[in-house]
């Protein structure tokens, strides 16, 4: 084989390897960290708000609930101190929960309404909610790991572990807010080091997020 033929053969081999590599990079269905990062970024852009499951406002606090130390009974007064909600006493039918015939009604202030956002959620019982009170937004920092379950060959599953950046509401810097929302405070403090996980399933158009725990 002459020198010219050898050079052409080498160029052909190099081109073939280059084409194979490009195809691999641009295969949106390959569970690579790069592809999963794109899918995760799309998901977090739409669903990256960290919310409190406070779907409906105004919200009433019964006398029994107020005296029990329940979650809302602890959180609502702090939210009122921070100017996010205001409360009034309104009449209600007398009952075991309301022996005096009154409830404390909390409604969002103008500042509070800034955090009440569209955030569709379907409860296990089928009840659907359009909005929620959201206190932070997550963005991907780095994909750490991708675990693939290919038992279903047509629709394999992938679980992406990632570190994140977070943009919290300014009032979450308040010590009382961190006390009554400890899980939110932990996620804020874990930015850049704590790992979160998100599940995906492979559909015809690529990787689609699975809503719910993984």
N, C-alpha and C. Protein backbone atom coordinates (compact mmCIF):
# COMPACT_ATOMS: atom_id res chain seq x y z
N UNK A 1 0.86 -1.19 0.00
CA UNK A 1 0.00 0.00 0.00
C UNK A 1 0.89 1.24 0.00
N UNK A 2 0.64 2.18 -0.95
CA UNK A 2 1.48 3.35 -1.02
C UNK A 2 1.11 4.36 0.06
N UNK A 3 1.93 5.42 0.17
CA UNK A 3 1.74 6.40 1.24
C UNK A 3 0.40 7.11 1.13
N UNK A 4 0.00 7.43 -0.12
CA UNK A 4 -1.28 8.13 -0.32
C UNK A 4 -2.46 7.27 0.10
N UNK A 5 -2.40 5.98 -0.24
CA UNK A 5 -3.49 5.07 0.14
C UNK A 5 -3.57 4.91 1.65
N UNK A 6 -2.39 4.83 2.29
CA UNK A 6 -2.35 4.69 3.75
C UNK A 6 -2.96 5.91 4.42
N UNK A 7 -2.66 7.11 3.89
CA UNK A 7 -3.18 8.34 4.46
C UNK A 7 -4.70 8.39 4.32
N UNK A 8 -5.21 7.99 3.15
CA UNK A 8 -6.66 7.98 2.94
C UNK A 8 -7.35 7.02 3.88
N UNK A 9 -6.71 5.82 4.10
CA UNK A 9 -7.29 4.85 5.01
C UNK A 9 -7.35 5.39 6.43
N UNK A 10 -6.27 6.05 6.87
CA UNK A 10 -6.24 6.61 8.21
C UNK A 10 -7.30 7.70 8.39
N UNK A 11 -7.47 8.54 7.34
CA UNK A 11 -8.48 9.59 7.42
C UNK A 11 -9.89 9.00 7.48
N UNK A 12 -10.11 7.90 6.73
CA UNK A 12 -11.42 7.26 6.73
C UNK A 12 -11.73 6.68 8.10
N UNK A 13 -10.71 6.04 8.74
CA UNK A 13 -10.91 5.46 10.07
C UNK A 13 -11.19 6.56 11.08
N UNK A 14 -10.44 7.68 11.00
CA UNK A 14 -10.64 8.79 11.92
C UNK A 14 -12.03 9.38 11.76
N UNK A 15 -12.49 9.50 10.52
CA UNK A 15 -13.82 10.04 10.27
C UNK A 15 -14.89 9.13 10.84
N UNK A 16 -14.69 7.82 10.71
CA UNK A 16 -15.67 6.86 11.23
C UNK A 16 -15.77 6.97 12.75
N UNK A 17 -14.61 7.05 13.43
CA UNK A 17 -14.62 7.20 14.88
C UNK A 17 -15.29 8.51 15.28
N UNK A 18 -15.01 9.59 14.54
CA UNK A 18 -15.59 10.88 14.85
C UNK A 18 -17.11 10.85 14.70
N UNK A 19 -17.60 10.20 13.65
CA UNK A 19 -19.03 10.09 13.42
C UNK A 19 -19.71 9.29 14.53
N UNK A 20 -19.05 8.20 14.96
CA UNK A 20 -19.60 7.38 16.04
C UNK A 20 -19.70 8.18 17.33
N UNK A 21 -18.66 8.95 17.62
CA UNK A 21 -18.66 9.76 18.84
C UNK A 21 -19.75 10.81 18.81
N UNK A 22 -19.92 11.46 17.66
CA UNK A 22 -20.96 12.49 17.54
C UNK A 22 -22.34 11.90 17.73
N UNK A 23 -22.56 10.71 17.14
CA UNK A 23 -23.85 10.06 17.27
C UNK A 23 -24.16 9.74 18.72
N UNK A 24 -23.11 9.30 19.47
CA UNK A 24 -23.29 8.96 20.88
C UNK A 24 -23.65 10.20 21.69
N UNK A 25 -22.96 11.33 21.41
CA UNK A 25 -23.20 12.54 22.16
C UNK A 25 -24.61 13.07 21.91
N UNK A 26 -25.08 12.95 20.67
CA UNK A 26 -26.36 13.53 20.30
C UNK A 26 -27.53 12.54 20.42
N UNK A 27 -27.30 11.37 20.97
CA UNK A 27 -28.38 10.42 21.22
C UNK A 27 -29.08 10.83 22.51
N UNK A 28 -30.22 11.50 22.38
CA UNK A 28 -30.93 12.04 23.54
C UNK A 28 -31.45 10.95 24.46
N UNK A 29 -31.47 9.70 23.97
CA UNK A 29 -32.01 8.61 24.79
C UNK A 29 -30.94 7.85 25.56
N UNK A 30 -29.70 8.20 25.34
CA UNK A 30 -28.62 7.56 26.10
C UNK A 30 -28.60 8.14 27.52
N UNK A 31 -28.54 7.30 28.56
CA UNK A 31 -28.59 7.80 29.94
C UNK A 31 -27.24 8.34 30.41
N UNK A 32 -26.65 9.22 29.63
CA UNK A 32 -25.36 9.81 30.00
C UNK A 32 -25.59 10.95 30.99
N UNK A 33 -24.58 11.29 31.79
CA UNK A 33 -24.72 12.43 32.69
C UNK A 33 -25.09 13.72 31.95
N UNK A 34 -24.55 13.88 30.73
CA UNK A 34 -24.84 15.09 29.95
C UNK A 34 -26.32 15.15 29.56
N UNK A 35 -26.85 14.02 29.06
CA UNK A 35 -28.26 14.00 28.67
C UNK A 35 -29.18 14.15 29.88
N UNK A 36 -28.81 13.50 30.98
CA UNK A 36 -29.66 13.59 32.16
C UNK A 36 -29.61 14.99 32.77
N UNK A 37 -28.48 15.68 32.61
CA UNK A 37 -28.39 17.06 33.09
C UNK A 37 -29.36 17.95 32.32
N UNK A 38 -29.47 17.73 31.01
CA UNK A 38 -30.41 18.52 30.20
C UNK A 38 -31.85 18.25 30.65
N UNK A 39 -32.17 16.96 30.83
CA UNK A 39 -33.53 16.60 31.27
C UNK A 39 -33.82 17.17 32.65
N UNK A 40 -32.82 17.12 33.53
CA UNK A 40 -33.00 17.63 34.90
C UNK A 40 -33.18 19.14 34.89
N UNK A 41 -32.40 19.84 34.07
CA UNK A 41 -32.54 21.30 33.99
C UNK A 41 -33.93 21.69 33.50
N UNK A 42 -34.43 20.98 32.50
CA UNK A 42 -35.78 21.25 31.99
C UNK A 42 -36.82 21.04 33.10
N UNK A 43 -36.64 19.95 33.84
CA UNK A 43 -37.59 19.64 34.92
C UNK A 43 -37.56 20.71 36.01
N UNK A 44 -36.35 21.10 36.45
CA UNK A 44 -36.24 22.07 37.54
C UNK A 44 -36.71 23.45 37.10
N UNK A 45 -36.56 23.78 35.82
CA UNK A 45 -37.07 25.06 35.34
C UNK A 45 -38.58 25.13 35.51
N UNK A 46 -39.25 23.99 35.36
CA UNK A 46 -40.70 23.94 35.47
C UNK A 46 -41.18 23.59 36.89
N UNK A 47 -40.43 22.72 37.58
CA UNK A 47 -40.91 22.16 38.85
C UNK A 47 -39.88 22.29 39.97
N UNK A 48 -38.99 23.26 39.86
CA UNK A 48 -37.92 23.38 40.85
C UNK A 48 -38.27 24.20 42.07
N UNK A 49 -39.52 24.65 42.18
CA UNK A 49 -39.91 25.41 43.37
C UNK A 49 -40.07 24.48 44.57
N UNK A 50 -39.57 24.92 45.70
CA UNK A 50 -39.70 24.20 46.96
C UNK A 50 -40.88 24.82 47.71
N UNK A 51 -41.93 24.02 47.92
CA UNK A 51 -43.20 24.56 48.42
C UNK A 51 -43.62 23.87 49.72
N UNK A 52 -44.63 24.43 50.38
CA UNK A 52 -44.98 24.04 51.74
C UNK A 52 -46.28 23.23 51.85
N UNK A 53 -46.89 22.87 50.75
CA UNK A 53 -48.19 22.18 50.77
C UNK A 53 -49.25 23.02 51.47
N UNK A 54 -49.16 24.34 51.28
CA UNK A 54 -50.18 25.26 51.75
C UNK A 54 -50.96 25.72 50.52
N UNK A 55 -51.91 24.90 50.12
CA UNK A 55 -52.53 25.07 48.81
C UNK A 55 -53.64 26.13 48.79
N UNK A 56 -54.41 26.20 49.87
CA UNK A 56 -55.65 26.98 49.84
C UNK A 56 -55.62 28.12 50.86
N UNK A 57 -55.96 29.31 50.39
CA UNK A 57 -56.05 30.50 51.24
C UNK A 57 -57.36 31.22 50.96
N UNK A 58 -57.96 31.84 52.00
CA UNK A 58 -57.52 31.89 53.40
C UNK A 58 -57.60 30.52 54.06
N UNK A 59 -56.86 30.38 55.17
CA UNK A 59 -56.81 29.12 55.90
C UNK A 59 -57.27 29.35 57.34
N UNK A 60 -58.15 28.49 57.81
CA UNK A 60 -58.70 28.63 59.16
C UNK A 60 -57.98 27.73 60.15
N UNK A 61 -57.73 28.27 61.32
CA UNK A 61 -57.10 27.53 62.41
C UNK A 61 -58.12 27.40 63.53
N UNK A 62 -58.54 26.16 63.82
CA UNK A 62 -59.54 25.95 64.87
C UNK A 62 -58.91 26.13 66.25
N UNK A 63 -59.77 26.30 67.23
CA UNK A 63 -59.27 26.44 68.60
C UNK A 63 -58.49 25.20 69.03
N UNK A 64 -59.02 24.02 68.68
CA UNK A 64 -58.35 22.78 69.06
C UNK A 64 -56.99 22.68 68.40
N UNK A 65 -56.93 23.03 67.12
CA UNK A 65 -55.67 22.96 66.40
C UNK A 65 -54.67 23.97 66.95
N UNK A 66 -55.15 25.16 67.28
CA UNK A 66 -54.27 26.20 67.81
C UNK A 66 -53.63 25.78 69.12
N UNK A 67 -54.37 25.00 69.92
CA UNK A 67 -53.84 24.61 71.22
C UNK A 67 -53.08 23.30 71.22
N UNK A 68 -53.00 22.65 70.05
CA UNK A 68 -52.38 21.33 70.00
C UNK A 68 -50.91 21.34 69.61
N UNK A 69 -50.39 22.51 69.19
CA UNK A 69 -49.02 22.55 68.70
C UNK A 69 -48.87 21.94 67.33
N UNK A 70 -49.95 21.88 66.57
CA UNK A 70 -49.90 21.33 65.21
C UNK A 70 -49.02 22.19 64.33
N UNK A 71 -48.65 21.63 63.20
CA UNK A 71 -47.71 22.29 62.28
C UNK A 71 -48.17 23.71 61.94
N UNK A 72 -49.40 23.85 61.49
CA UNK A 72 -49.88 25.18 61.09
C UNK A 72 -49.97 26.12 62.29
N UNK A 73 -50.30 25.57 63.45
CA UNK A 73 -50.41 26.39 64.65
C UNK A 73 -49.07 26.98 65.04
N UNK A 74 -47.99 26.32 64.68
CA UNK A 74 -46.64 26.81 64.97
C UNK A 74 -46.15 27.73 63.86
N UNK A 75 -46.48 27.40 62.61
CA UNK A 75 -45.93 28.12 61.47
C UNK A 75 -46.67 29.43 61.17
N UNK A 76 -48.00 29.41 61.29
CA UNK A 76 -48.77 30.61 60.90
C UNK A 76 -48.39 31.85 61.71
N UNK A 77 -48.23 31.75 63.05
CA UNK A 77 -47.83 32.95 63.79
C UNK A 77 -46.49 33.52 63.34
N UNK A 78 -45.55 32.66 63.00
CA UNK A 78 -44.26 33.15 62.51
C UNK A 78 -44.44 33.82 61.14
N UNK A 79 -45.26 33.24 60.29
CA UNK A 79 -45.52 33.85 58.99
C UNK A 79 -46.20 35.21 59.16
N UNK A 80 -47.05 35.32 60.20
CA UNK A 80 -47.69 36.61 60.46
C UNK A 80 -46.66 37.62 60.95
N UNK A 81 -45.76 37.20 61.80
CA UNK A 81 -44.71 38.09 62.29
C UNK A 81 -43.84 38.61 61.14
N UNK A 82 -43.65 37.77 60.13
CA UNK A 82 -42.82 38.13 58.97
C UNK A 82 -43.59 38.93 57.93
N UNK A 83 -44.89 39.18 58.17
CA UNK A 83 -45.67 39.99 57.26
C UNK A 83 -46.20 39.26 56.05
N UNK A 84 -46.22 37.92 56.10
CA UNK A 84 -46.68 37.13 54.96
C UNK A 84 -48.17 36.85 55.02
N UNK A 85 -48.72 36.79 56.22
CA UNK A 85 -50.16 36.57 56.40
C UNK A 85 -50.67 37.53 57.47
N UNK A 86 -51.99 37.71 57.49
CA UNK A 86 -52.65 38.45 58.56
C UNK A 86 -53.81 37.60 59.08
N UNK A 87 -54.15 37.78 60.33
CA UNK A 87 -55.20 36.94 60.92
C UNK A 87 -56.34 37.78 61.47
N UNK A 88 -57.51 37.18 61.47
CA UNK A 88 -58.70 37.76 62.09
C UNK A 88 -59.48 36.63 62.75
N UNK A 89 -60.29 36.98 63.74
CA UNK A 89 -61.15 36.01 64.39
C UNK A 89 -62.52 36.07 63.72
N UNK A 90 -63.01 34.94 63.25
CA UNK A 90 -64.32 34.91 62.59
C UNK A 90 -65.19 33.86 63.26
N UNK A 91 -66.49 34.10 63.17
CA UNK A 91 -67.43 33.15 63.76
C UNK A 91 -67.46 31.85 62.99
N UNK A 92 -67.70 30.77 63.72
CA UNK A 92 -67.81 29.44 63.10
C UNK A 92 -68.77 28.62 63.95
N UNK A 93 -69.39 27.61 63.38
CA UNK A 93 -70.30 26.78 64.17
C UNK A 93 -69.57 26.17 65.37
N UNK A 94 -70.26 26.16 66.52
CA UNK A 94 -69.66 25.56 67.71
C UNK A 94 -69.52 24.06 67.51
N UNK A 95 -68.40 23.54 67.98
CA UNK A 95 -68.13 22.12 67.87
C UNK A 95 -67.07 21.76 68.90
N UNK A 96 -66.69 20.51 68.91
CA UNK A 96 -65.64 20.08 69.83
C UNK A 96 -64.34 20.81 69.51
N UNK A 97 -64.10 21.06 68.23
CA UNK A 97 -62.88 21.77 67.82
C UNK A 97 -63.00 23.27 68.05
N UNK A 98 -64.23 23.79 68.06
CA UNK A 98 -64.48 25.22 68.23
C UNK A 98 -65.53 25.45 69.32
N UNK A 99 -65.20 25.19 70.56
CA UNK A 99 -66.22 25.32 71.62
C UNK A 99 -66.73 26.74 71.78
N UNK A 100 -65.95 27.74 71.41
CA UNK A 100 -66.39 29.13 71.54
C UNK A 100 -67.04 29.66 70.27
N UNK A 101 -67.13 28.82 69.24
CA UNK A 101 -67.78 29.25 68.01
C UNK A 101 -66.96 30.27 67.23
N UNK A 102 -65.64 30.05 67.16
CA UNK A 102 -64.78 30.98 66.44
C UNK A 102 -63.55 30.25 65.92
N UNK A 103 -63.01 30.76 64.81
CA UNK A 103 -61.74 30.26 64.27
C UNK A 103 -60.86 31.45 63.97
N UNK A 104 -59.57 31.19 63.91
CA UNK A 104 -58.62 32.24 63.51
C UNK A 104 -58.34 32.06 62.03
N UNK A 105 -58.70 33.06 61.24
CA UNK A 105 -58.55 32.96 59.78
C UNK A 105 -57.32 33.71 59.33
N UNK A 106 -56.46 33.01 58.61
CA UNK A 106 -55.24 33.61 58.07
C UNK A 106 -55.39 33.80 56.56
N UNK A 107 -55.05 35.00 56.09
CA UNK A 107 -55.05 35.27 54.66
C UNK A 107 -53.72 35.89 54.26
N UNK A 108 -53.35 35.71 53.01
CA UNK A 108 -52.07 36.21 52.53
C UNK A 108 -52.09 37.73 52.42
N UNK A 109 -50.99 38.34 52.82
CA UNK A 109 -50.80 39.77 52.59
C UNK A 109 -50.28 39.98 51.17
N UNK A 110 -50.10 41.23 50.80
CA UNK A 110 -49.53 41.53 49.48
C UNK A 110 -48.15 40.91 49.35
N UNK A 111 -47.34 40.99 50.41
CA UNK A 111 -46.01 40.36 50.38
C UNK A 111 -46.13 38.85 50.30
N UNK A 112 -47.09 38.28 51.01
CA UNK A 112 -47.27 36.83 51.00
C UNK A 112 -47.69 36.30 49.65
N UNK A 113 -48.53 37.08 48.94
CA UNK A 113 -49.01 36.61 47.64
C UNK A 113 -47.88 36.47 46.61
N UNK A 114 -46.75 37.11 46.86
CA UNK A 114 -45.61 36.98 45.94
C UNK A 114 -45.09 35.54 45.91
N UNK A 115 -45.36 34.79 46.98
CA UNK A 115 -44.83 33.44 47.08
C UNK A 115 -45.88 32.36 46.81
N UNK A 116 -47.09 32.79 46.51
CA UNK A 116 -48.18 31.86 46.19
C UNK A 116 -48.21 31.71 44.67
N UNK A 117 -47.70 30.57 44.19
CA UNK A 117 -47.39 30.42 42.77
C UNK A 117 -48.11 29.23 42.16
N UNK A 118 -48.27 29.24 40.83
CA UNK A 118 -48.77 28.04 40.15
C UNK A 118 -47.81 26.88 40.41
N UNK A 119 -48.35 25.80 40.93
CA UNK A 119 -47.52 24.62 41.24
C UNK A 119 -48.46 23.42 41.30
N UNK A 120 -48.87 22.90 40.14
CA UNK A 120 -49.86 21.82 40.11
C UNK A 120 -49.42 20.61 40.92
N UNK A 121 -50.36 20.07 41.67
CA UNK A 121 -50.07 18.90 42.50
C UNK A 121 -51.33 18.06 42.62
N UNK A 122 -51.18 16.76 42.43
CA UNK A 122 -52.30 15.83 42.58
C UNK A 122 -52.03 14.93 43.78
N UNK A 123 -52.90 15.00 44.78
CA UNK A 123 -52.76 14.17 45.97
C UNK A 123 -53.10 12.72 45.64
N UNK A 124 -52.68 11.82 46.51
CA UNK A 124 -52.92 10.39 46.27
C UNK A 124 -54.41 10.07 46.21
N UNK A 125 -55.21 10.84 46.93
CA UNK A 125 -56.64 10.60 46.90
C UNK A 125 -57.33 11.16 45.67
N UNK A 126 -56.55 11.79 44.77
CA UNK A 126 -57.11 12.32 43.54
C UNK A 126 -57.40 13.81 43.59
N UNK A 127 -57.29 14.42 44.76
CA UNK A 127 -57.54 15.85 44.87
C UNK A 127 -56.42 16.62 44.19
N UNK A 128 -56.78 17.59 43.36
CA UNK A 128 -55.80 18.35 42.59
C UNK A 128 -55.72 19.79 43.11
N UNK A 129 -54.50 20.32 43.12
CA UNK A 129 -54.25 21.69 43.56
C UNK A 129 -53.47 22.42 42.46
N UNK A 130 -53.85 23.66 42.20
CA UNK A 130 -53.20 24.43 41.13
C UNK A 130 -52.04 25.27 41.65
N UNK A 131 -52.12 25.71 42.92
CA UNK A 131 -51.12 26.64 43.46
C UNK A 131 -50.59 26.14 44.80
N UNK A 132 -49.45 26.72 45.18
CA UNK A 132 -48.87 26.38 46.47
C UNK A 132 -48.05 27.58 46.94
N UNK A 133 -47.74 27.58 48.24
CA UNK A 133 -46.91 28.63 48.82
C UNK A 133 -45.46 28.13 48.75
N UNK A 134 -44.65 28.79 47.94
CA UNK A 134 -43.30 28.30 47.61
C UNK A 134 -42.24 29.24 48.18
N UNK A 135 -41.16 28.66 48.71
CA UNK A 135 -40.20 29.45 49.48
C UNK A 135 -38.80 29.44 48.90
N UNK A 136 -38.56 28.66 47.85
CA UNK A 136 -37.21 28.61 47.27
C UNK A 136 -37.29 27.97 45.89
N UNK A 137 -36.26 28.18 45.09
CA UNK A 137 -36.19 27.55 43.76
C UNK A 137 -34.83 26.87 43.61
N UNK A 138 -34.88 25.64 43.11
CA UNK A 138 -33.67 24.83 42.95
C UNK A 138 -33.16 24.87 41.51
N UNK A 139 -31.84 24.83 41.37
CA UNK A 139 -31.18 24.65 40.08
C UNK A 139 -30.10 23.58 40.24
N UNK A 140 -29.85 22.86 39.16
CA UNK A 140 -28.80 21.84 39.21
C UNK A 140 -27.43 22.49 39.31
N UNK A 141 -26.60 21.93 40.18
CA UNK A 141 -25.18 22.30 40.19
C UNK A 141 -24.38 21.27 39.40
N UNK A 142 -24.51 19.98 39.79
CA UNK A 142 -23.73 18.93 39.12
C UNK A 142 -24.45 17.59 39.25
N UNK A 143 -24.49 16.84 38.15
CA UNK A 143 -24.99 15.47 38.20
C UNK A 143 -23.89 14.60 38.80
N UNK A 144 -24.19 13.92 39.89
CA UNK A 144 -23.20 13.11 40.60
C UNK A 144 -23.26 11.65 40.16
N UNK A 145 -24.47 11.15 39.90
CA UNK A 145 -24.61 9.73 39.58
C UNK A 145 -25.90 9.50 38.82
N UNK A 146 -25.88 8.49 37.94
CA UNK A 146 -27.07 8.07 37.21
C UNK A 146 -27.20 6.56 37.36
N UNK A 147 -28.30 6.12 37.96
CA UNK A 147 -28.57 4.70 38.12
C UNK A 147 -29.73 4.31 37.20
N UNK A 148 -29.51 3.29 36.36
CA UNK A 148 -30.51 2.89 35.37
C UNK A 148 -31.09 1.53 35.73
N UNK A 149 -32.41 1.44 35.71
CA UNK A 149 -33.13 0.18 35.89
C UNK A 149 -33.76 -0.17 34.55
N UNK A 150 -33.22 -1.19 33.87
CA UNK A 150 -33.66 -1.53 32.52
C UNK A 150 -34.54 -2.78 32.49
N UNK A 151 -35.20 -3.10 33.61
CA UNK A 151 -36.09 -4.27 33.62
C UNK A 151 -37.19 -4.15 32.57
N UNK A 152 -37.70 -2.93 32.39
CA UNK A 152 -38.66 -2.66 31.33
C UNK A 152 -37.88 -2.11 30.15
N UNK A 153 -37.58 -2.94 29.17
CA UNK A 153 -36.71 -2.54 28.07
C UNK A 153 -37.28 -1.38 27.28
N UNK A 154 -38.60 -1.29 27.17
CA UNK A 154 -39.22 -0.21 26.39
C UNK A 154 -39.23 1.11 27.14
N UNK A 155 -39.35 1.06 28.46
CA UNK A 155 -39.41 2.29 29.26
C UNK A 155 -38.51 2.14 30.49
N UNK A 156 -37.18 2.12 30.28
CA UNK A 156 -36.28 2.00 31.43
C UNK A 156 -36.39 3.22 32.34
N UNK A 157 -36.00 3.01 33.59
CA UNK A 157 -36.03 4.07 34.58
C UNK A 157 -34.61 4.52 34.89
N UNK A 158 -34.47 5.77 35.26
CA UNK A 158 -33.17 6.30 35.68
C UNK A 158 -33.38 7.18 36.90
N UNK A 159 -32.49 7.06 37.87
CA UNK A 159 -32.51 7.93 39.05
C UNK A 159 -31.24 8.76 39.02
N UNK A 160 -31.43 10.08 38.98
CA UNK A 160 -30.31 11.02 38.90
C UNK A 160 -30.05 11.61 40.28
N UNK A 161 -28.83 11.47 40.77
CA UNK A 161 -28.42 12.13 42.01
C UNK A 161 -27.63 13.37 41.64
N UNK A 162 -27.94 14.49 42.30
CA UNK A 162 -27.30 15.74 41.91
C UNK A 162 -27.15 16.68 43.09
N UNK A 163 -26.14 17.53 43.02
CA UNK A 163 -26.02 18.65 43.94
C UNK A 163 -26.72 19.84 43.29
N UNK A 164 -27.03 20.84 44.09
CA UNK A 164 -27.92 21.89 43.60
C UNK A 164 -27.51 23.26 44.14
N UNK A 165 -28.00 24.28 43.46
CA UNK A 165 -27.97 25.65 43.94
C UNK A 165 -29.40 26.02 44.32
N UNK A 166 -29.54 26.99 45.21
CA UNK A 166 -30.88 27.33 45.68
C UNK A 166 -31.02 28.83 45.84
N UNK A 167 -32.20 29.33 45.46
CA UNK A 167 -32.53 30.75 45.62
C UNK A 167 -33.70 30.83 46.60
N UNK A 168 -33.42 31.04 47.89
CA UNK A 168 -34.49 31.03 48.90
C UNK A 168 -35.15 32.40 49.03
N UNK A 169 -36.36 32.39 49.58
CA UNK A 169 -37.02 33.64 49.93
C UNK A 169 -36.18 34.36 50.98
N UNK A 170 -36.06 35.68 50.89
CA UNK A 170 -35.21 36.42 51.84
C UNK A 170 -35.60 36.17 53.29
N UNK A 171 -36.91 36.02 53.56
CA UNK A 171 -37.34 35.85 54.95
C UNK A 171 -36.95 34.50 55.53
N UNK A 172 -36.48 33.57 54.71
CA UNK A 172 -36.00 32.30 55.26
C UNK A 172 -34.67 32.45 55.99
N UNK A 173 -34.09 33.64 55.96
CA UNK A 173 -32.89 33.90 56.76
C UNK A 173 -33.26 34.15 58.23
N UNK A 174 -34.54 34.42 58.49
CA UNK A 174 -34.99 34.67 59.85
C UNK A 174 -34.88 33.40 60.69
N UNK A 175 -34.39 33.54 61.92
CA UNK A 175 -34.16 32.38 62.79
C UNK A 175 -35.46 31.65 63.12
N UNK A 176 -36.55 32.39 63.31
CA UNK A 176 -37.83 31.75 63.62
C UNK A 176 -38.36 30.99 62.40
N UNK A 177 -38.17 31.55 61.21
CA UNK A 177 -38.59 30.85 60.00
C UNK A 177 -37.83 29.53 59.86
N UNK A 178 -36.54 29.55 60.14
CA UNK A 178 -35.75 28.32 60.06
C UNK A 178 -36.18 27.32 61.13
N UNK A 179 -36.63 27.83 62.25
CA UNK A 179 -37.07 26.94 63.33
C UNK A 179 -38.37 26.21 62.98
N UNK A 180 -39.32 26.92 62.39
CA UNK A 180 -40.62 26.31 62.12
C UNK A 180 -40.67 25.61 60.75
N UNK A 181 -39.67 25.88 59.90
CA UNK A 181 -39.55 25.17 58.63
C UNK A 181 -38.19 24.48 58.56
N UNK A 182 -37.94 23.50 59.44
CA UNK A 182 -36.60 22.92 59.56
C UNK A 182 -36.14 22.17 58.31
N UNK A 183 -37.05 21.51 57.61
CA UNK A 183 -36.64 20.79 56.40
C UNK A 183 -36.22 21.75 55.30
N UNK A 184 -36.92 22.87 55.17
CA UNK A 184 -36.53 23.88 54.19
C UNK A 184 -35.16 24.45 54.56
N UNK A 185 -34.97 24.73 55.85
CA UNK A 185 -33.68 25.26 56.29
C UNK A 185 -32.55 24.29 55.99
N UNK A 186 -32.81 23.00 56.16
CA UNK A 186 -31.77 22.00 55.89
C UNK A 186 -31.41 21.97 54.41
N UNK A 187 -32.41 22.06 53.55
CA UNK A 187 -32.14 22.06 52.11
C UNK A 187 -31.35 23.31 51.72
N UNK A 188 -31.69 24.45 52.31
CA UNK A 188 -30.96 25.69 52.01
C UNK A 188 -29.51 25.56 52.44
N UNK A 189 -29.29 25.04 53.64
CA UNK A 189 -27.93 24.90 54.16
C UNK A 189 -27.12 23.86 53.39
N UNK A 190 -27.82 22.92 52.73
CA UNK A 190 -27.12 21.85 52.01
C UNK A 190 -26.75 22.18 50.59
N UNK A 191 -27.02 23.40 50.13
CA UNK A 191 -26.71 23.77 48.75
C UNK A 191 -25.22 23.57 48.47
N UNK A 192 -24.93 22.88 47.37
CA UNK A 192 -23.55 22.64 46.97
C UNK A 192 -22.95 21.37 47.54
N UNK A 193 -23.59 20.77 48.55
CA UNK A 193 -23.03 19.55 49.15
C UNK A 193 -24.07 18.43 49.29
N UNK A 194 -25.27 18.76 49.75
CA UNK A 194 -26.32 17.77 49.88
C UNK A 194 -26.76 17.29 48.50
N UNK A 195 -27.03 15.98 48.38
CA UNK A 195 -27.48 15.44 47.10
C UNK A 195 -28.98 15.17 47.13
N UNK A 196 -29.66 15.58 46.08
CA UNK A 196 -31.06 15.26 45.87
C UNK A 196 -31.17 14.23 44.75
N UNK A 197 -32.32 13.59 44.64
CA UNK A 197 -32.53 12.58 43.59
C UNK A 197 -33.80 12.88 42.83
N UNK A 198 -33.76 12.58 41.54
CA UNK A 198 -34.94 12.74 40.69
C UNK A 198 -35.03 11.55 39.75
N UNK A 199 -36.23 10.98 39.67
CA UNK A 199 -36.45 9.84 38.78
C UNK A 199 -36.92 10.28 37.40
N UNK A 200 -36.52 9.50 36.39
CA UNK A 200 -36.93 9.73 35.01
C UNK A 200 -37.31 8.40 34.38
N UNK A 201 -38.19 8.45 33.39
CA UNK A 201 -38.50 7.28 32.58
C UNK A 201 -38.29 7.63 31.12
N UNK A 202 -37.84 6.67 30.33
CA UNK A 202 -37.55 6.91 28.92
C UNK A 202 -38.81 6.75 28.09
N UNK A 203 -39.23 7.81 27.44
CA UNK A 203 -40.37 7.80 26.54
C UNK A 203 -39.89 8.03 25.11
N UNK A 204 -40.82 8.13 24.18
CA UNK A 204 -40.46 8.26 22.76
C UNK A 204 -39.61 9.50 22.50
N UNK A 205 -39.89 10.60 23.19
CA UNK A 205 -39.18 11.85 22.93
C UNK A 205 -37.96 12.04 23.82
N UNK A 206 -37.67 11.09 24.68
CA UNK A 206 -36.52 11.21 25.57
C UNK A 206 -36.90 10.96 27.02
N UNK A 207 -36.08 11.46 27.93
CA UNK A 207 -36.27 11.20 29.36
C UNK A 207 -37.30 12.16 29.95
N UNK A 208 -38.29 11.57 30.63
CA UNK A 208 -39.42 12.32 31.19
C UNK A 208 -39.40 12.16 32.71
N UNK A 209 -39.53 13.25 33.47
CA UNK A 209 -39.48 13.15 34.93
C UNK A 209 -40.64 12.38 35.50
N UNK A 210 -40.38 11.65 36.59
CA UNK A 210 -41.41 10.96 37.36
C UNK A 210 -41.68 11.80 38.61
N UNK A 211 -42.96 12.16 38.81
CA UNK A 211 -43.33 12.96 39.96
C UNK A 211 -43.53 12.04 41.15
N UNK A 212 -42.89 12.40 42.28
CA UNK A 212 -43.02 11.60 43.49
C UNK A 212 -41.68 11.11 43.98
N UNK A 213 -41.67 10.45 45.13
CA UNK A 213 -40.42 10.00 45.74
C UNK A 213 -39.75 8.92 44.91
N UNK A 214 -38.40 8.85 45.02
CA UNK A 214 -37.63 7.81 44.31
C UNK A 214 -36.74 7.11 45.31
